[in-house]
Amino acid sequence: MMLSDAELDRYQRHIVLKEVGGQGQLKLKRASVCVVGAGGLGSPCLQYLVAAGVGRITLVDDDVVSLSNLQRQTLYAGGDVGEAKVDIAVHRLAALNPHVAVTPLRDRLTDQNAPDILAGHDVIADGCDNFATRSTVNRAAVALGIPLVSAALGPFEGQLGVFAGHVPGQPCYACYAGLPEDVPGRSCADTGILGAVAGIMGAAQALEVLRLLAGFGAPRIGLLWLFEGLALEARTVRVPRDPACPVCS
């Protein structure tokens, strides 16, 4: 698998980066990523992964576009209200970059279907909107041995972590966040959210996925990036592995 002349031209700003180069761009072309959620996080994450030339992307979401989504979910427009997000997203992303194969799955991940859906991917990017699904994704990622890039949003803040609970000594998402029954569920409909925060966090999530695939930059597995939008500040903390974690211990 090589880069075509059109791809060499399209990705030239990547290729001139010594940290990426032609070999890094080939790694992106050969990679497969599963993106869970096509909402506030998934929209910018998908746009940047597709623009970057990640070869194969599976998109999992069972929701439809609503008018209240449009304040932050940049893949959709007013005429898309009522349509399945994955159906709209696959057309918009194909227009952005025809060299990327995007497979839409209008489904909700469960403990039963997650292993089959997530298997075979190099990285999982989780931007879903509920803790139960996050926990399901994490369990499957650990069982399948796939790195997980997990992002979440608050009204003015976001968090982004890279987890590899299948690697000895490295934490999984449950080491940090616990299990579904331990965490009360609240949605952005309850708390509100500033749209631009979703854009910042979704783009940062794409960056972490690209870092894993192409191998540039310092490893960030086990690190949690915390962004606070009111003061425009950020900090990074290390997540320790929980020796009693029910998922990865």
Protein backbone atom coordinates (compact mmCIF):
# COMPACT_ATOMS: atom_id res chain seq x y z
CA MET A 1 0.00 0.00 0.00
CA MET A 2 1.54 3.23 -1.18
CA LEU A 3 0.47 6.87 -1.33
CA SER A 4 -0.95 8.00 -4.66
CA ASP A 5 0.12 11.25 -6.31
CA ALA A 6 -3.13 12.85 -5.14
CA GLU A 7 -2.47 11.71 -1.56
CA LEU A 8 1.12 12.96 -1.66
CA ASP A 9 -0.22 16.36 -2.64
CA ARG A 10 -3.09 16.28 -0.12
CA TYR A 11 -0.89 15.31 2.84
CA GLN A 12 2.25 17.28 1.95
CA ARG A 13 1.97 19.42 5.11
CA HIS A 14 2.18 16.21 7.14
CA ILE A 15 4.93 14.70 5.06
CA VAL A 16 7.27 17.67 5.51
CA LEU A 17 7.03 17.25 9.27
CA LYS A 18 10.09 15.24 10.33
CA GLU A 19 8.03 13.67 13.13
CA VAL A 20 5.54 12.28 10.59
CA GLY A 21 7.08 12.09 7.12
CA GLY A 22 6.07 9.69 4.39
CA GLN A 23 6.32 6.64 6.64
CA GLY A 24 4.09 8.20 9.27
CA GLN A 25 1.51 9.09 6.63
CA LEU A 26 1.60 5.50 5.37
CA LYS A 27 0.96 4.30 8.91
CA LEU A 28 -2.14 6.51 9.01
CA LYS A 29 -3.34 5.17 5.65
CA ARG A 30 -2.91 1.58 6.83
CA ALA A 31 -4.64 2.19 10.17
CA SER A 32 -8.14 1.36 11.33
CA VAL A 33 -9.93 3.39 14.02
CA CYS A 34 -13.32 2.93 15.64
CA VAL A 35 -15.01 6.16 16.73
CA VAL A 36 -17.81 5.67 19.24
CA GLY A 37 -20.23 8.58 19.14
CA ALA A 38 -20.86 11.11 16.37
CA GLY A 39 -21.86 14.03 18.62
CA GLY A 40 -20.02 16.97 20.13
CA LEU A 41 -16.74 15.08 20.47
CA GLY A 42 -17.12 12.73 17.54
CA SER A 43 -17.83 15.48 15.01
CA PRO A 44 -14.46 17.29 15.24
CA CYS A 45 -12.58 14.08 16.01
CA LEU A 46 -13.92 12.44 12.85
CA GLN A 47 -13.27 15.49 10.72
CA TYR A 48 -9.61 15.66 11.73
CA LEU A 49 -9.01 11.90 11.46
CA VAL A 50 -10.53 11.83 7.99
CA ALA A 51 -8.67 14.96 6.91
CA ALA A 52 -5.43 13.39 8.20
CA GLY A 53 -5.88 10.31 6.02
CA VAL A 54 -6.60 7.54 8.52
CA GLY A 55 -7.40 4.73 6.10
CA ARG A 56 -10.41 3.01 7.66
CA ILE A 57 -12.84 4.39 10.22
CA THR A 58 -15.83 2.66 11.78
CA LEU A 59 -18.40 5.09 13.17
CA VAL A 60 -20.84 3.81 15.81
CA ASP A 61 -23.87 5.89 16.86
CA ASP A 62 -27.59 5.15 17.16
CA ASP A 63 -28.86 8.74 17.50
CA VAL A 64 -30.58 11.16 15.12
CA VAL A 65 -29.76 14.83 14.58
CA SER A 66 -31.75 17.26 16.72
CA LEU A 67 -31.87 21.04 16.49
CA SER A 68 -30.17 21.40 19.88
CA ASN A 69 -27.16 19.42 18.54
CA LEU A 70 -26.25 22.11 16.02
CA GLN A 71 -24.77 24.46 18.61
CA ARG A 72 -21.72 22.18 18.88
CA GLN A 73 -21.96 19.20 16.48
CA THR A 74 -20.24 20.58 13.43
CA LEU A 75 -20.92 17.71 11.02
CA TYR A 76 -24.62 18.57 10.74
CA ALA A 77 -26.85 21.35 9.41
CA GLY A 78 -30.45 22.45 9.89
CA GLY A 79 -31.72 20.30 7.04
CA ASP A 80 -30.36 17.16 8.74
CA VAL A 81 -32.69 17.30 11.76
CA GLY A 82 -34.38 13.95 12.24
CA GLU A 83 -31.86 12.04 10.12
CA ALA A 84 -29.53 9.36 11.50
CA LYS A 85 -26.21 10.92 12.47
CA VAL A 86 -24.15 8.11 10.92
CA ASP A 87 -25.92 8.48 7.57
CA ILE A 88 -25.26 12.23 7.41
CA ALA A 89 -21.72 11.90 8.75
CA VAL A 90 -20.60 9.31 6.20
CA HIS A 91 -21.59 11.60 3.30
CA ARG A 92 -19.98 14.71 4.81
CA LEU A 93 -16.77 12.83 5.57
CA ALA A 94 -16.61 11.31 2.07
CA ALA A 95 -16.79 14.83 0.66
CA LEU A 96 -13.96 15.88 2.98
CA ASN A 97 -11.61 13.07 1.90
CA PRO A 98 -12.51 10.36 -0.64
CA HIS A 99 -9.36 8.40 0.21
CA VAL A 100 -10.77 7.33 3.61
CA ALA A 101 -13.27 4.48 3.99
CA VAL A 102 -15.86 5.28 6.66
CA THR A 103 -18.20 2.48 7.72
CA PRO A 104 -21.34 3.70 9.54
CA LEU A 105 -23.02 1.51 12.17
CA ARG A 106 -26.32 2.78 13.51
CA ASP A 107 -26.15 0.85 16.74
CA ARG A 108 -25.55 1.24 20.47
CA LEU A 109 -22.65 -0.69 21.93
CA THR A 110 -23.49 -3.33 24.50
CA ASP A 111 -21.46 -5.94 26.31
CA GLN A 112 -22.81 -8.42 23.78
CA ASN A 113 -21.96 -6.65 20.51
CA ALA A 114 -18.95 -4.51 21.51
CA PRO A 115 -16.29 -7.23 21.08
CA ASP A 116 -17.40 -8.00 17.52
CA ILE A 117 -17.74 -4.32 16.54
CA LEU A 118 -14.46 -3.14 18.06
CA ALA A 119 -12.26 -6.09 17.10
CA GLY A 120 -9.66 -5.50 14.41
CA HIS A 121 -9.16 -1.78 15.02
CA ASP A 122 -5.80 -0.26 15.95
CA VAL A 123 -7.27 2.42 18.25
CA ILE A 124 -10.69 3.14 19.75
CA ALA A 125 -11.78 6.78 20.17
CA ASP A 126 -14.65 6.98 22.65
CA GLY A 127 -16.73 10.14 22.71
CA CYS A 128 -20.08 8.71 23.76
CA ASP A 129 -22.47 10.61 26.02
CA ASN A 130 -23.12 8.16 28.85
CA PHE A 131 -21.01 6.41 31.43
CA ALA A 132 -22.50 2.94 30.94
CA THR A 133 -21.37 2.85 27.30
CA ARG A 134 -17.94 4.20 28.25
CA SER A 135 -17.57 1.33 30.67
CA THR A 136 -18.67 -1.17 28.00
CA VAL A 137 -16.13 0.23 25.54
CA ASN A 138 -13.38 0.04 28.14
CA ARG A 139 -14.09 -3.58 29.03
CA ALA A 140 -14.00 -4.56 25.38
CA ALA A 141 -10.82 -2.55 24.73
CA VAL A 142 -9.02 -4.30 27.57
CA ALA A 143 -10.25 -7.74 26.48
CA LEU A 144 -9.25 -7.11 22.85
CA GLY A 145 -5.91 -5.47 23.67
CA ILE A 146 -6.70 -2.19 21.87
CA PRO A 147 -5.59 1.26 23.12
CA LEU A 148 -8.47 3.52 24.12
CA VAL A 149 -8.56 7.31 23.72
CA SER A 150 -11.46 8.49 25.87
CA ALA A 151 -12.82 12.05 26.02
CA ALA A 152 -15.62 13.61 28.04
CA LEU A 153 -17.20 17.03 28.39
CA GLY A 154 -18.62 19.27 31.10
CA PRO A 155 -20.23 22.72 30.80
CA PHE A 156 -16.90 24.55 30.37
CA GLU A 157 -14.41 21.72 30.83
CA GLY A 158 -13.18 18.52 29.27
CA GLN A 159 -11.00 15.55 30.04
CA LEU A 160 -8.98 13.36 27.73
CA GLY A 161 -7.16 10.16 28.62
CA VAL A 162 -5.17 7.48 26.81
CA PHE A 163 -5.64 4.05 28.36
CA ALA A 164 -4.05 0.67 27.71
CA GLY A 165 -5.27 -1.58 30.49
CA HIS A 166 -4.11 -4.65 28.59
CA VAL A 167 -0.47 -3.55 29.02
CA PRO A 168 1.18 -4.59 32.30
CA GLY A 169 1.43 -1.65 34.66
CA GLN A 170 -0.85 0.63 32.61
CA PRO A 171 -4.32 1.74 33.77
CA CYS A 172 -7.65 1.23 32.04
CA TYR A 173 -10.54 3.70 32.10
CA ALA A 174 -12.12 1.94 35.09
CA CYS A 175 -8.94 2.48 37.14
CA TYR A 176 -9.71 6.19 36.86
CA ALA A 177 -13.51 6.39 36.72
CA GLY A 178 -14.79 3.24 38.42
CA LEU A 179 -17.82 1.28 37.23
CA PRO A 180 -21.21 2.52 35.94
CA GLU A 181 -23.00 1.93 39.23
CA ASP A 182 -20.40 4.10 40.99
CA VAL A 183 -20.99 7.23 38.90
CA PRO A 184 -24.24 9.21 38.59
CA GLY A 185 -25.20 9.90 34.98
CA ARG A 186 -25.78 13.50 33.80
CA SER A 187 -26.06 14.67 30.22
CA CYS A 188 -25.29 17.99 28.56
CA ALA A 189 -29.07 18.53 28.42
CA ASP A 190 -28.94 18.64 32.22
CA THR A 191 -25.80 20.71 32.68
CA GLY A 192 -25.40 22.70 29.46
CA ILE A 193 -22.20 22.94 27.44
CA LEU A 194 -20.29 25.64 25.58
CA GLY A 195 -20.00 24.46 21.98
CA ALA A 196 -16.39 25.50 21.44
CA VAL A 197 -15.26 23.29 24.33
CA ALA A 198 -16.51 20.25 22.40
CA GLY A 199 -14.46 21.38 19.42
CA ILE A 200 -11.29 21.75 21.49
CA MET A 201 -11.65 18.36 23.12
CA GLY A 202 -12.67 16.52 19.94
CA ALA A 203 -9.67 17.93 18.07
CA ALA A 204 -7.38 16.99 20.96
CA GLN A 205 -8.84 13.47 20.91
CA ALA A 206 -7.98 13.19 17.21
CA LEU A 207 -4.45 14.37 17.98
CA GLU A 208 -3.99 11.60 20.55
CA VAL A 209 -5.25 9.00 18.06
CA LEU A 210 -2.85 10.28 15.38
CA ARG A 211 -0.01 10.26 17.90
CA LEU A 212 -0.64 6.58 18.64
CA LEU A 213 -0.98 5.58 14.99
CA ALA A 214 1.96 7.48 13.51
CA GLY A 215 4.18 7.20 16.58
CA PHE A 216 5.21 10.82 17.01
CA GLY A 217 5.64 12.72 20.27
CA ALA A 218 6.16 11.43 23.79
CA PRO A 219 3.94 8.51 24.85
CA ARG A 220 0.87 9.65 26.79
CA ILE A 221 -0.60 6.34 27.87
CA GLY A 222 -1.85 6.62 31.43
CA LEU A 223 -2.03 10.42 31.32
CA LEU A 224 -5.21 12.46 31.77
CA TRP A 225 -5.43 15.95 30.24
CA LEU A 226 -7.85 18.25 32.06
CA PHE A 227 -9.05 21.38 30.26
CA GLU A 228 -10.91 24.24 31.97
CA GLY A 229 -12.49 26.68 29.55
CA LEU A 230 -13.61 29.47 31.87
CA ALA A 231 -10.01 30.32 32.75
CA LEU A 232 -8.55 28.73 29.59
CA GLU A 233 -6.20 26.56 31.62
CA ALA A 234 -5.11 22.95 31.37
CA ARG A 235 -3.13 20.46 33.40
CA THR A 236 -2.01 16.85 33.05
CA VAL A 237 -2.17 14.17 35.74
CA ARG A 238 -1.02 10.57 35.74
CA VAL A 239 -3.62 7.87 36.37
CA PRO A 240 -2.24 5.01 38.48
CA ARG A 241 -3.26 1.45 37.76
CA ASP A 242 -5.71 0.18 40.37
CA PRO A 243 -4.46 -3.22 41.59
CA ALA A 244 -8.03 -4.05 42.57
CA CYS A 245 -9.62 -2.87 39.29
CA PRO A 246 -12.39 -5.31 38.34
CA VAL A 247 -11.64 -4.81 34.63
CA CYS A 248 -7.88 -4.94 34.15
CA SER A 249 -6.34 -6.22 37.37
